[in-house]
Amino acid sequence: MDSGYYAAFAGLVARTQALDTAASNLANAQTAGYRAEREYFRSVLLDPLGGDSQLGGTVNNFGVLGGDHLDMEQGVLTSTGNALDLAIEGQGFFAVQAPNGVRYTRDGSFHRTRDGQLVTAAGEPVLSSQGRPIPVPPGDVSIGADGALSVAGGTVATVGVFTFPAGTQLTPEGKNRYLPPANVKATLATSANVHQGALEAANQDVIQGSLDLIMMQRQAETMQHALTIFHTEFNKTAAEDLPRV
């Protein structure tokens, strides 16, 4: 079988998956704290025949999408004027107590509950550097660059900012919640700064995201067209040449 067929098929699979990623990035371009996902490619497929099969050898010559990884680049910080809105400058995540366990986020859209606890927009408790819920007594709130939360001049707790070892791949959950691998523990960030009264926008530019989506669509359409041509040639061979054998 013509190796061009494998190239076109591998390209279509890769572009279809990349199209899904680009669409998700664009859909969340206005989501606070969202980390865009970027596709990466692998050039070698695992061949159950030890690399000796014609199929394995042929397909391995073409790039295949290996998956997605999170883009950890900084998003734009936007002032909101809300004293309990927080944004992280640098590497790190806030920790929140979700119903299914601790999750990590860059979305600092926090508020104080009636019983005086710092929570997310979804009502999840925000955790301190000690991994505990944060009480917020009545009064003017001040939060320093190190996350220290003070009310009326007295420090109440420190908003936790956590990081992970270099190369750790976090698993996205929903729009802007992330989960580390089971064997990886979060540690306190040492170089991140907390900004009070601000939120971090998604690190996905709307214009670039739109261009990426259009490009992926066109590339996928090109691969579909190529497969159609190969399919037509195969049918012609089967109808005209095989009967002569």
C-alpha atoms as a PDB file:
ATOM      1  CA  MET A   1       0.000   0.000   0.000  1.00  0.00           C
ATOM      2  CA  ASP A   2       1.274   3.475  -0.867  1.00  0.00           C
ATOM      3  CA  SER A   3       3.099   5.034   2.113  1.00  0.00           C
ATOM      4  CA  GLY A   4       1.434   8.335   1.248  1.00  0.00           C
ATOM      5  CA  TYR A   5      -1.800   6.858   2.569  1.00  0.00           C
ATOM      6  CA  TYR A   6      -0.214   6.340   5.998  1.00  0.00           C
ATOM      7  CA  ALA A   7       1.211   9.857   5.940  1.00  0.00           C
ATOM      8  CA  ALA A   8      -2.186  11.356   5.151  1.00  0.00           C
ATOM      9  CA  PHE A   9      -3.938   9.218   7.762  1.00  0.00           C
ATOM     10  CA  ALA A  10      -1.392  10.070  10.483  1.00  0.00           C
ATOM     11  CA  GLY A  11      -1.700  13.732   9.545  1.00  0.00           C
ATOM     12  CA  LEU A  12      -5.500  13.633   9.749  1.00  0.00           C
ATOM     13  CA  VAL A  13      -5.436  11.995  13.191  1.00  0.00           C
ATOM     14  CA  ALA A  14      -2.895  14.529  14.467  1.00  0.00           C
ATOM     15  CA  ARG A  15      -4.738  17.546  13.050  1.00  0.00           C
ATOM     16  CA  THR A  16      -8.109  16.338  14.360  1.00  0.00           C
ATOM     17  CA  GLN A  17      -6.735  16.003  17.881  1.00  0.00           C
ATOM     18  CA  ALA A  18      -4.941  19.346  17.612  1.00  0.00           C
ATOM     19  CA  LEU A  19      -8.192  20.902  16.381  1.00  0.00           C
ATOM     20  CA  ASP A  20      -9.957  19.778  19.562  1.00  0.00           C
ATOM     21  CA  THR A  21      -7.181  21.304  21.665  1.00  0.00           C
ATOM     22  CA  ALA A  22      -7.271  24.605  19.767  1.00  0.00           C
ATOM     23  CA  ALA A  23     -11.064  24.795  20.142  1.00  0.00           C
ATOM     24  CA  SER A  24     -10.813  24.200  23.904  1.00  0.00           C
ATOM     25  CA  ASN A  25      -8.128  26.876  24.266  1.00  0.00           C
ATOM     26  CA  LEU A  26     -10.193  29.424  22.380  1.00  0.00           C
ATOM     27  CA  ALA A  27     -13.367  28.589  24.325  1.00  0.00           C
ATOM     28  CA  ASN A  28     -11.515  29.283  27.612  1.00  0.00           C
ATOM     29  CA  ALA A  29      -9.648  32.403  26.515  1.00  0.00           C
ATOM     30  CA  GLN A  30     -11.775  34.460  28.928  1.00  0.00           C
ATOM     31  CA  THR A  31     -11.491  32.006  31.850  1.00  0.00           C
ATOM     32  CA  ALA A  32      -9.449  33.408  34.736  1.00  0.00           C
ATOM     33  CA  GLY A  33      -6.374  31.346  35.505  1.00  0.00           C
ATOM     34  CA  TYR A  34      -6.811  29.000  32.545  1.00  0.00           C
ATOM     35  CA  ARG A  35      -3.629  27.273  31.329  1.00  0.00           C
ATOM     36  CA  ALA A  36      -3.700  26.666  27.595  1.00  0.00           C
ATOM     37  CA  GLU A  37      -2.849  23.184  26.326  1.00  0.00           C
ATOM     38  CA  ARG A  38      -0.287  22.725  23.556  1.00  0.00           C
ATOM     39  CA  GLU A  39       0.103  19.611  21.446  1.00  0.00           C
ATOM     40  CA  TYR A  40       3.384  17.781  21.114  1.00  0.00           C
ATOM     41  CA  PHE A  41       4.453  15.145  18.612  1.00  0.00           C
ATOM     42  CA  ARG A  42       6.276  11.848  18.815  1.00  0.00           C
ATOM     43  CA  SER A  43       8.032  10.349  15.815  1.00  0.00           C
ATOM     44  CA  VAL A  44       8.065   6.686  16.824  1.00  0.00           C
ATOM     45  CA  LEU A  45       5.101   4.387  17.369  1.00  0.00           C
ATOM     46  CA  LEU A  46       5.352   1.337  19.574  1.00  0.00           C
ATOM     47  CA  ASP A  47       5.468  -1.594  17.193  1.00  0.00           C
ATOM     48  CA  PRO A  48       4.316  -4.913  18.691  1.00  0.00           C
ATOM     49  CA  LEU A  49       6.404  -6.657  16.024  1.00  0.00           C
ATOM     50  CA  GLY A  50       9.627  -5.104  17.257  1.00  0.00           C
ATOM     51  CA  GLY A  51       9.870  -2.557  14.463  1.00  0.00           C
ATOM     52  CA  ASP A  52      10.140  -5.199  11.763  1.00  0.00           C
ATOM     53  CA  SER A  53       6.642  -4.908  10.327  1.00  0.00           C
ATOM     54  CA  GLN A  54       5.999  -2.992   7.120  1.00  0.00           C
ATOM     55  CA  LEU A  55       3.155  -1.090   8.796  1.00  0.00           C
ATOM     56  CA  GLY A  56       5.243  -0.083  11.797  1.00  0.00           C
ATOM     57  CA  GLY A  57       8.207   0.922   9.694  1.00  0.00           C
ATOM     58  CA  THR A  58       6.068   3.001   7.359  1.00  0.00           C
ATOM     59  CA  VAL A  59       4.031   4.854   9.975  1.00  0.00           C
ATOM     60  CA  ASN A  60       7.085   5.565  12.120  1.00  0.00           C
ATOM     61  CA  ASN A  61       8.400   7.806   9.368  1.00  0.00           C
ATOM     62  CA  PHE A  62       5.683  10.344  10.074  1.00  0.00           C
ATOM     63  CA  GLY A  63       5.024  12.562  13.105  1.00  0.00           C
ATOM     64  CA  VAL A  64       2.164  11.428  15.309  1.00  0.00           C
ATOM     65  CA  LEU A  65       0.525  13.538  17.977  1.00  0.00           C
ATOM     66  CA  GLY A  66       1.772  12.384  21.367  1.00  0.00           C
ATOM     67  CA  GLY A  67      -0.713  14.365  23.455  1.00  0.00           C
ATOM     68  CA  ASP A  68      -1.094  17.745  25.123  1.00  0.00           C
ATOM     69  CA  HIS A  69       0.831  19.493  27.860  1.00  0.00           C
ATOM     70  CA  LEU A  70      -0.031  22.594  29.874  1.00  0.00           C
ATOM     71  CA  ASP A  71       1.485  25.913  28.869  1.00  0.00           C
ATOM     72  CA  MET A  72       2.745  27.476  32.119  1.00  0.00           C
ATOM     73  CA  GLU A  73       3.470  30.915  30.694  1.00  0.00           C
ATOM     74  CA  GLN A  74       2.232  33.884  32.694  1.00  0.00           C
ATOM     75  CA  GLY A  75      -1.173  35.367  31.862  1.00  0.00           C
ATOM     76  CA  VAL A  76      -1.963  39.087  31.973  1.00  0.00           C
ATOM     77  CA  LEU A  77      -2.822  40.484  35.413  1.00  0.00           C
ATOM     78  CA  THR A  78      -5.905  42.696  35.458  1.00  0.00           C
ATOM     79  CA  SER A  79      -6.896  44.946  38.352  1.00  0.00           C
ATOM     80  CA  THR A  80     -10.403  44.339  39.712  1.00  0.00           C
ATOM     81  CA  GLY A  81     -10.524  46.509  42.832  1.00  0.00           C
ATOM     82  CA  ASN A  82     -11.893  43.573  44.856  1.00  0.00           C
ATOM     83  CA  ALA A  83      -9.714  43.125  47.948  1.00  0.00           C
ATOM     84  CA  LEU A  84     -10.201  39.352  47.938  1.00  0.00           C
ATOM     85  CA  ASP A  85      -9.318  38.839  44.282  1.00  0.00           C
ATOM     86  CA  LEU A  86      -5.789  37.442  44.085  1.00  0.00           C
ATOM     87  CA  ALA A  87      -3.394  36.845  41.203  1.00  0.00           C
ATOM     88  CA  ILE A  88      -0.110  34.966  41.149  1.00  0.00           C
ATOM     89  CA  GLU A  89       2.925  36.414  39.396  1.00  0.00           C
ATOM     90  CA  GLY A  90       5.366  33.609  38.724  1.00  0.00           C
ATOM     91  CA  GLN A  91       5.073  29.847  39.004  1.00  0.00           C
ATOM     92  CA  GLY A  92       2.598  28.413  41.483  1.00  0.00           C
ATOM     93  CA  PHE A  93      -1.018  27.570  42.239  1.00  0.00           C
ATOM     94  CA  PHE A  94      -3.577  28.269  44.933  1.00  0.00           C
ATOM     95  CA  ALA A  95      -4.825  25.141  46.722  1.00  0.00           C
ATOM     96  CA  VAL A  96      -8.561  24.626  47.228  1.00  0.00           C
ATOM     97  CA  GLN A  97     -10.481  21.933  49.050  1.00  0.00           C
ATOM     98  CA  ALA A  98     -12.762  20.522  46.361  1.00  0.00           C
ATOM     99  CA  PRO A  99     -15.402  17.864  47.117  1.00  0.00           C
ATOM    100  CA  ASN A 100     -13.142  15.175  45.625  1.00  0.00           C
ATOM    101  CA  GLY A 101      -9.906  16.320  47.271  1.00  0.00           C
ATOM    102  CA  VAL A 102      -7.361  19.117  47.063  1.00  0.00           C
ATOM    103  CA  ARG A 103      -7.131  20.761  43.660  1.00  0.00           C
ATOM    104  CA  TYR A 104      -4.883  23.537  42.359  1.00  0.00           C
ATOM    105  CA  THR A 105      -5.846  26.643  40.441  1.00  0.00           C
ATOM    106  CA  ARG A 106      -4.570  30.011  39.226  1.00  0.00           C
ATOM    107  CA  ASP A 107      -8.059  31.492  39.484  1.00  0.00           C
ATOM    108  CA  GLY A 108      -8.043  33.836  42.493  1.00  0.00           C
ATOM    109  CA  SER A 109     -11.705  34.886  42.349  1.00  0.00           C
ATOM    110  CA  PHE A 110     -12.200  34.550  46.101  1.00  0.00           C
ATOM    111  CA  HIS A 111     -14.753  35.916  48.566  1.00  0.00           C
ATOM    112  CA  ARG A 112     -15.625  35.741  52.248  1.00  0.00           C
ATOM    113  CA  THR A 113     -18.549  33.607  53.371  1.00  0.00           C
ATOM    114  CA  ARG A 114     -21.062  34.661  56.030  1.00  0.00           C
ATOM    115  CA  ASP A 115     -19.260  32.561  58.598  1.00  0.00           C
ATOM    116  CA  GLY A 116     -15.962  34.247  57.733  1.00  0.00           C
ATOM    117  CA  GLN A 117     -14.071  31.811  55.513  1.00  0.00           C
ATOM    118  CA  LEU A 118     -12.108  32.486  52.332  1.00  0.00           C
ATOM    119  CA  VAL A 119     -13.622  30.466  49.483  1.00  0.00           C
ATOM    120  CA  THR A 120     -13.638  30.262  45.693  1.00  0.00           C
ATOM    121  CA  ALA A 121     -16.515  31.384  43.475  1.00  0.00           C
ATOM    122  CA  ALA A 122     -17.777  27.780  43.716  1.00  0.00           C
ATOM    123  CA  GLY A 123     -17.691  27.874  47.525  1.00  0.00           C
ATOM    124  CA  GLU A 124     -14.566  25.705  47.915  1.00  0.00           C
ATOM    125  CA  PRO A 125     -12.349  26.609  50.897  1.00  0.00           C
ATOM    126  CA  VAL A 126      -9.046  28.201  49.965  1.00  0.00           C
ATOM    127  CA  LEU A 127      -6.152  26.582  51.827  1.00  0.00           C
ATOM    128  CA  SER A 128      -3.369  28.284  53.740  1.00  0.00           C
ATOM    129  CA  SER A 129       0.329  27.513  53.489  1.00  0.00           C
ATOM    130  CA  GLN A 130      -0.364  24.982  56.253  1.00  0.00           C
ATOM    131  CA  GLY A 131      -3.087  23.291  54.205  1.00  0.00           C
ATOM    132  CA  ARG A 132      -5.950  24.573  56.370  1.00  0.00           C
ATOM    133  CA  PRO A 133      -9.049  26.676  55.574  1.00  0.00           C
ATOM    134  CA  ILE A 134      -8.455  30.404  55.974  1.00  0.00           C
ATOM    135  CA  PRO A 135     -10.608  32.435  58.407  1.00  0.00           C
ATOM    136  CA  VAL A 136     -11.301  36.038  57.420  1.00  0.00           C
ATOM    137  CA  PRO A 137     -12.610  38.133  60.343  1.00  0.00           C
ATOM    138  CA  PRO A 138     -14.690  41.275  59.640  1.00  0.00           C
ATOM    139  CA  GLY A 139     -12.659  44.333  58.701  1.00  0.00           C
ATOM    140  CA  ASP A 140     -10.366  45.649  56.007  1.00  0.00           C
ATOM    141  CA  VAL A 141      -8.318  42.890  54.448  1.00  0.00           C
ATOM    142  CA  SER A 142      -4.703  43.333  53.384  1.00  0.00           C
ATOM    143  CA  ILE A 143      -2.773  40.615  51.570  1.00  0.00           C
ATOM    144  CA  GLY A 144       0.959  40.912  51.026  1.00  0.00           C
ATOM    145  CA  ALA A 145       3.098  39.689  48.160  1.00  0.00           C
ATOM    146  CA  ASP A 146       3.965  36.620  50.267  1.00  0.00           C
ATOM    147  CA  GLY A 147       0.270  35.793  50.699  1.00  0.00           C
ATOM    148  CA  ALA A 148       0.097  36.931  54.333  1.00  0.00           C
ATOM    149  CA  LEU A 149      -3.530  37.881  55.029  1.00  0.00           C
ATOM    150  CA  SER A 150      -4.059  40.593  57.633  1.00  0.00           C
ATOM    151  CA  VAL A 151      -7.228  42.099  59.055  1.00  0.00           C
ATOM    152  CA  ALA A 152      -7.048  45.361  61.025  1.00  0.00           C
ATOM    153  CA  GLY A 153      -3.277  45.077  61.111  1.00  0.00           C
ATOM    154  CA  GLY A 154      -3.124  41.566  62.513  1.00  0.00           C
ATOM    155  CA  THR A 155      -1.939  38.592  60.427  1.00  0.00           C
ATOM    156  CA  VAL A 156      -4.555  35.851  60.319  1.00  0.00           C
ATOM    157  CA  ALA A 157      -3.032  33.305  57.925  1.00  0.00           C
ATOM    158  CA  THR A 158      -0.959  32.992  54.779  1.00  0.00           C
ATOM    159  CA  VAL A 159      -2.671  32.123  51.515  1.00  0.00           C
ATOM    160  CA  GLY A 160      -0.834  29.097  50.208  1.00  0.00           C
ATOM    161  CA  VAL A 161       0.935  29.255  46.855  1.00  0.00           C
ATOM    162  CA  PHE A 162       2.227  25.841  45.857  1.00  0.00           C
ATOM    163  CA  THR A 163       4.450  24.545  43.122  1.00  0.00           C
ATOM    164  CA  PHE A 164       5.614  21.184  41.780  1.00  0.00           C
ATOM    165  CA  PRO A 165       8.935  19.710  40.618  1.00  0.00           C
ATOM    166  CA  ALA A 166      10.063  20.743  37.149  1.00  0.00           C
ATOM    167  CA  GLY A 167       8.536  18.596  34.433  1.00  0.00           C
ATOM    168  CA  THR A 168       5.460  17.610  36.444  1.00  0.00           C
ATOM    169  CA  GLN A 169       2.466  17.155  34.163  1.00  0.00           C
ATOM    170  CA  LEU A 170      -0.744  18.280  35.846  1.00  0.00           C
ATOM    171  CA  THR A 171      -4.097  16.841  34.793  1.00  0.00           C
ATOM    172  CA  PRO A 172      -6.776  19.440  33.944  1.00  0.00           C
ATOM    173  CA  GLU A 173     -10.148  19.083  35.642  1.00  0.00           C
ATOM    174  CA  GLY A 174     -12.842  21.341  34.278  1.00  0.00           C
ATOM    175  CA  LYS A 175     -11.845  24.824  33.154  1.00  0.00           C
ATOM    176  CA  ASN A 176      -9.091  25.814  35.566  1.00  0.00           C
ATOM    177  CA  ARG A 177      -8.603  23.125  38.192  1.00  0.00           C
ATOM    178  CA  TYR A 178      -5.516  20.913  38.078  1.00  0.00           C
ATOM    179  CA  LEU A 179      -4.456  17.680  39.729  1.00  0.00           C
ATOM    180  CA  PRO A 180      -0.843  16.477  40.121  1.00  0.00           C
ATOM    181  CA  PRO A 181       0.180  12.827  39.718  1.00  0.00           C
ATOM    182  CA  ALA A 182      -0.519  10.667  42.751  1.00  0.00           C
ATOM    183  CA  ASN A 183       3.161  10.334  43.663  1.00  0.00           C
ATOM    184  CA  VAL A 184       3.960  14.066  43.422  1.00  0.00           C
ATOM    185  CA  LYS A 185       3.566  16.369  46.409  1.00  0.00           C
ATOM    186  CA  ALA A 186       3.136  20.119  46.222  1.00  0.00           C
ATOM    187  CA  THR A 187       5.662  22.372  47.961  1.00  0.00           C
ATOM    188  CA  LEU A 188       5.436  26.035  48.896  1.00  0.00           C
ATOM    189  CA  ALA A 189       6.516  28.354  46.083  1.00  0.00           C
ATOM    190  CA  THR A 190       9.506  30.530  46.907  1.00  0.00           C
ATOM    191  CA  SER A 191       9.630  32.913  43.946  1.00  0.00           C
ATOM    192  CA  ALA A 192       5.951  33.717  43.282  1.00  0.00           C
ATOM    193  CA  ASN A 193       4.303  37.001  44.277  1.00  0.00           C
ATOM    194  CA  VAL A 194       0.652  37.452  45.185  1.00  0.00           C
ATOM    195  CA  HIS A 195      -1.149  40.557  43.889  1.00  0.00           C
ATOM    196  CA  GLN A 196      -4.196  41.727  45.817  1.00  0.00           C
ATOM    197  CA  GLY A 197      -7.159  43.173  43.929  1.00  0.00           C
ATOM    198  CA  ALA A 198      -6.247  41.529  40.614  1.00  0.00           C
ATOM    199  CA  LEU A 199      -6.948  38.414  38.573  1.00  0.00           C
ATOM    200  CA  GLU A 200      -4.793  36.570  36.068  1.00  0.00           C
ATOM    201  CA  ALA A 201      -6.325  36.142  32.633  1.00  0.00           C
ATOM    202  CA  ALA A 202      -5.959  32.939  30.622  1.00  0.00           C
ATOM    203  CA  ASN A 203      -2.577  32.621  28.924  1.00  0.00           C
ATOM    204  CA  GLN A 204      -4.353  32.126  25.598  1.00  0.00           C
ATOM    205  CA  ASP A 205      -4.609  35.116  23.279  1.00  0.00           C
ATOM    206  CA  VAL A 206      -7.982  35.292  21.516  1.00  0.00           C
ATOM    207  CA  ILE A 207      -6.552  36.404  18.176  1.00  0.00           C
ATOM    208  CA  GLN A 208      -3.801  33.795  18.142  1.00  0.00           C
ATOM    209  CA  GLY A 209      -6.282  31.167  19.295  1.00  0.00           C
ATOM    210  CA  SER A 210      -8.612  32.025  16.403  1.00  0.00           C
ATOM    211  CA  LEU A 211      -5.748  31.792  13.915  1.00  0.00           C
ATOM    212  CA  ASP A 212      -4.664  28.439  15.365  1.00  0.00           C
ATOM    213  CA  LEU A 213      -8.208  27.099  15.041  1.00  0.00           C
ATOM    214  CA  ILE A 214      -8.500  28.189  11.405  1.00  0.00           C
ATOM    215  CA  MET A 215      -5.100  26.704  10.571  1.00  0.00           C
ATOM    216  CA  MET A 216      -5.962  23.373  12.186  1.00  0.00           C
ATOM    217  CA  GLN A 217      -9.272  23.236  10.314  1.00  0.00           C
ATOM    218  CA  ARG A 218      -7.592  23.849   6.969  1.00  0.00           C
ATOM    219  CA  GLN A 219      -4.869  21.289   7.632  1.00  0.00           C
ATOM    220  CA  ALA A 220      -7.456  18.678   8.632  1.00  0.00           C
ATOM    221  CA  GLU A 221      -9.430  19.398   5.463  1.00  0.00           C
ATOM    222  CA  THR A 222      -6.250  18.991   3.398  1.00  0.00           C
ATOM    223  CA  MET A 223      -5.565  15.588   4.966  1.00  0.00           C
ATOM    224  CA  GLN A 224      -9.175  14.531   4.323  1.00  0.00           C
ATOM    225  CA  HIS A 225      -8.828  15.532   0.686  1.00  0.00           C
ATOM    226  CA  ALA A 226      -5.582  13.566   0.385  1.00  0.00           C
ATOM    227  CA  LEU A 227      -7.225  10.459   1.849  1.00  0.00           C
ATOM    228  CA  THR A 228     -10.071  10.810  -0.627  1.00  0.00           C
ATOM    229  CA  ILE A 229      -7.586  10.833  -3.521  1.00  0.00           C
ATOM    230  CA  PHE A 230      -5.779   7.737  -2.208  1.00  0.00           C
ATOM    231  CA  HIS A 231      -9.087   5.960  -1.631  1.00  0.00           C
ATOM    232  CA  THR A 232     -10.121   6.683  -5.215  1.00  0.00           C
ATOM    233  CA  GLU A 233      -6.810   5.301  -6.499  1.00  0.00           C
ATOM    234  CA  PHE A 234      -7.200   2.143  -4.404  1.00  0.00           C
ATOM    235  CA  ASN A 235     -10.694   1.576  -5.779  1.00  0.00           C
ATOM    236  CA  LYS A 236      -9.400   2.031  -9.293  1.00  0.00           C
ATOM    237  CA  THR A 237      -6.632  -0.495  -8.697  1.00  0.00           C
ATOM    238  CA  ALA A 238      -9.070  -3.003  -7.211  1.00  0.00           C
ATOM    239  CA  ALA A 239     -11.550  -2.589 -10.073  1.00  0.00           C
ATOM    240  CA  GLU A 240      -9.159  -2.475 -13.036  1.00  0.00           C
ATOM    241  CA  ASP A 241      -5.866  -4.123 -12.130  1.00  0.00           C
ATOM    242  CA  LEU A 242      -6.658  -6.945  -9.703  1.00  0.00           C
ATOM    243  CA  PRO A 243      -9.036  -8.756 -12.113  1.00  0.00           C
ATOM    244  CA  ARG A 244      -6.108  -9.119 -14.538  1.00  0.00           C
ATOM    245  CA  VAL A 245      -4.008 -10.987 -11.994  1.00  0.00           C
END
